[in-house]
Amino acid sequence: MQPGGMPDMQQMLQQAQKMQEQFASAQQELADAEVDGSSGGGLVTATVSGGGELKSLVIDPKVVDPEDPETLADLVVAAVRDANANAEKLAQQKMGPLAEGLGGLGGGGGLPGLPGM
């Protein structure tokens, strides 16, 4: 703090810029990440990006039954949901600490100690 109890604005701005760079880096890592999910004990495996975009789907031929397409559809949906849940966990791991440092993104917290932020 500067004399008179005022925080050093330059230092605060440098900290905010550093956090913004870390946040952007974490966002890029998340976008580049690929996360798997599966169902049916591995009979169906889905791979999604860290942002939840479906990248690939692998179906074990044993589960393909022309008489029962509903089971296959259910397994595909379950695998994609599992992959998306895993992507969400990854996002929390990567972004959670940074969001807390920024005062909770979207939570109205802004940057602590900066009036109007």
Protein backbone atom coordinates (compact mmCIF):
# COMPACT_ATOMS: atom_id res chain seq x y z
CA MET A 1 0.00 0.00 0.00
CA GLN A 2 1.01 3.53 -0.66
CA PRO A 3 1.11 6.17 2.06
CA GLY A 4 -2.37 7.13 3.16
CA GLY A 5 -3.71 3.58 2.92
CA MET A 6 -4.32 3.63 -0.84
CA PRO A 7 -3.46 0.43 -2.73
CA ASP A 8 -0.79 0.65 -5.43
CA MET A 9 -2.93 0.89 -8.57
CA GLN A 10 -0.06 -0.10 -10.88
CA GLN A 11 0.54 -3.27 -8.87
CA MET A 12 -3.17 -4.11 -8.90
CA LEU A 13 -3.34 -3.64 -12.66
CA GLN A 14 -0.28 -5.87 -13.16
CA GLN A 15 -1.89 -8.57 -11.01
CA ALA A 16 -5.15 -8.28 -12.96
CA GLN A 17 -3.27 -8.55 -16.28
CA LYS A 18 -1.36 -11.61 -15.05
CA MET A 19 -4.61 -13.29 -13.97
CA GLN A 20 -6.19 -12.46 -17.32
CA GLU A 21 -3.25 -14.08 -19.13
CA GLN A 22 -3.51 -17.17 -16.92
CA PHE A 23 -7.24 -17.33 -17.59
CA ALA A 24 -6.74 -17.09 -21.37
CA SER A 25 -4.05 -19.78 -21.21
CA ALA A 26 -6.33 -22.09 -19.22
CA GLN A 27 -9.16 -21.48 -21.71
CA GLN A 28 -6.88 -22.47 -24.59
CA GLU A 29 -5.68 -25.59 -22.76
CA LEU A 30 -9.31 -26.52 -22.16
CA ALA A 31 -10.25 -25.96 -25.82
CA ASP A 32 -7.33 -28.18 -26.92
CA ALA A 33 -8.06 -30.94 -24.39
CA GLU A 34 -9.86 -34.14 -25.32
CA VAL A 35 -11.82 -36.02 -22.69
CA ASP A 36 -13.28 -39.53 -22.86
CA GLY A 37 -16.46 -40.96 -21.46
CA SER A 38 -17.88 -44.43 -21.79
CA SER A 39 -20.90 -46.61 -21.13
CA GLY A 40 -21.76 -50.27 -21.12
CA GLY A 41 -18.46 -51.17 -19.50
CA GLY A 42 -16.54 -49.62 -22.38
CA LEU A 43 -18.78 -50.86 -25.21
CA VAL A 44 -19.29 -47.26 -26.32
CA THR A 45 -16.64 -44.56 -25.88
CA ALA A 46 -17.14 -40.90 -26.70
CA THR A 47 -14.40 -38.29 -26.92
CA VAL A 48 -15.28 -34.62 -26.49
CA SER A 49 -13.25 -31.44 -26.48
CA GLY A 50 -12.79 -29.59 -23.21
CA GLY A 51 -15.63 -27.37 -24.41
CA GLY A 52 -17.97 -30.33 -24.89
CA GLU A 53 -17.77 -30.74 -28.69
CA LEU A 54 -18.12 -34.38 -29.73
CA LYS A 55 -14.87 -35.39 -31.48
CA SER A 56 -15.23 -39.15 -31.90
CA LEU A 57 -17.41 -42.09 -31.04
CA VAL A 58 -16.22 -45.71 -30.85
CA ILE A 59 -18.80 -48.50 -30.77
CA ASP A 60 -17.83 -52.09 -30.03
CA PRO A 61 -19.44 -54.31 -32.72
CA LYS A 62 -20.76 -56.62 -29.97
CA VAL A 63 -23.32 -53.98 -29.00
CA VAL A 64 -24.72 -53.52 -32.52
CA ASP A 65 -27.98 -55.49 -32.59
CA PRO A 66 -30.33 -54.72 -35.50
CA GLU A 67 -33.20 -56.02 -33.37
CA ASP A 68 -32.42 -53.58 -30.53
CA PRO A 69 -31.29 -50.16 -31.78
CA GLU A 70 -32.70 -48.50 -28.65
CA THR A 71 -30.03 -50.04 -26.42
CA LEU A 72 -27.27 -48.79 -28.70
CA ALA A 73 -28.83 -45.32 -28.77
CA ASP A 74 -29.02 -45.32 -24.96
CA LEU A 75 -25.37 -46.37 -24.69
CA VAL A 76 -24.30 -43.62 -27.09
CA VAL A 77 -26.22 -40.97 -25.15
CA ALA A 78 -24.79 -42.25 -21.86
CA ALA A 79 -21.21 -42.22 -23.22
CA VAL A 80 -21.56 -38.67 -24.52
CA ARG A 81 -23.06 -37.53 -21.21
CA ASP A 82 -20.19 -39.18 -19.35
CA ALA A 83 -17.62 -37.49 -21.58
CA ASN A 84 -19.32 -34.10 -21.12
CA ALA A 85 -19.39 -34.59 -17.34
CA ASN A 86 -15.67 -35.35 -17.45
CA ALA A 87 -15.08 -32.24 -19.58
CA GLU A 88 -17.01 -30.20 -17.00
CA LYS A 89 -14.79 -31.57 -14.23
CA LEU A 90 -11.71 -30.66 -16.24
CA ALA A 91 -13.08 -27.14 -16.76
CA GLN A 92 -13.61 -26.78 -13.01
CA GLN A 93 -10.06 -27.92 -12.33
CA LYS A 94 -8.57 -25.53 -14.90
CA MET A 95 -10.84 -22.53 -14.50
CA GLY A 96 -12.17 -22.77 -10.95
CA PRO A 97 -9.11 -21.40 -9.14
CA LEU A 98 -8.74 -18.60 -11.70
CA ALA A 99 -12.41 -17.63 -11.45
CA GLU A 100 -12.11 -17.50 -7.67
CA GLY A 101 -9.07 -15.27 -8.03
CA LEU A 102 -11.08 -12.92 -10.23
CA GLY A 103 -13.81 -12.71 -7.61
CA GLY A 104 -16.07 -15.29 -9.20
CA LEU A 105 -16.77 -14.72 -12.86
CA GLY A 106 -20.35 -13.86 -13.55
CA GLY A 107 -21.01 -13.71 -9.84
CA GLY A 108 -20.82 -9.95 -9.72
CA GLY A 109 -17.72 -10.13 -7.54
CA GLY A 110 -15.41 -8.42 -10.00
CA LEU A 111 -11.90 -7.68 -8.85
CA PRO A 112 -11.68 -7.27 -5.09
CA GLY A 113 -10.61 -3.86 -3.95
CA LEU A 114 -11.41 -2.07 -7.21
CA PRO A 115 -14.42 0.21 -6.87
CA GLY A 116 -17.05 -0.46 -9.47
CA MET A 117 -15.52 -3.75 -10.57
